[in-house]
């Protein structure tokens, strides 16, 4: 409903794109980092075993990437369209992931999502840049530059600060804690509404098969692979559920920006982002509602 409200705001409120442009900066640089720092610093990880759930998401991502490369041998896709299928299949929307982690699993969910973000944002960005550099038709981007940019990522910084404070037994208290709570509370509604405001509801018929292929891989194949791996490893609890949630969320909106910058098929990318977001309302509900750990 928040995503729908964000989409409607873009249609019916004049010049609202300016607002969402500033809002995204606050969410990315301030609200989500505050949420991660607060919940990770106060979390109790003494009984948690996050290794296998994180491994399940890493392996499922690599398997989907392998499927996409194998599929390229059988389907005659242009290089720029291939990059969009690749990004659509492996990248995740951190806004939706962290917001749903909080909504479904509370503070513990947010804290655990921070661990997954720290690992997966690095893996998926490296994979995307490598593929875009090889198959994209635009300007190239060095891997070292991409890695350097990740060290400045506010979500990674927030997660690492929270972990450091947790390990050092440092706690946010008093007025400072109330301030951080206020900032944290703004993260979920603004991030999900922003996702809706960024949707481009269109479908290019000639790319329908490719868009559908990437959507099925992201919303169906990856969650099923992750569920199988989680069961194989014997992982249980909230961390197992967070792993499955990670694999089930839609494609990242910033994949569109990378597609434009590095010569991907940005029209197909926009369609994949939009339809994975809209259909995830059904698939995430079904998958998380059907699996209990």
Foldseek 3Di string as FASTA:
>chain_A
DLLQLLQVCLVPPPPCVVVLVVLVCCLFQPQLLLLQLALLLPDDCPPPDQVLLLVLLVVLLVVLLVVLVVVCVVDPDALQLSLLLNLQQRAFALLVLLLVLCVPPNSNSNNLSLVSCLPRVLVSQLVSLVSLQVRADADHDDSVNSVVVVVVGSSNVSNVNSNVSNVVVHHDDDPRNVVSVVSNVVNNSSSSSSLSNLADPDDDVVCNVSLVSSLCSQAPVSLVSSVVSCVVVVPADSSSLSSSSRSHHGRHPCSLVVSVRRHHPSVSNSSNRNVSHVCSVVRVCVSSVVDHD
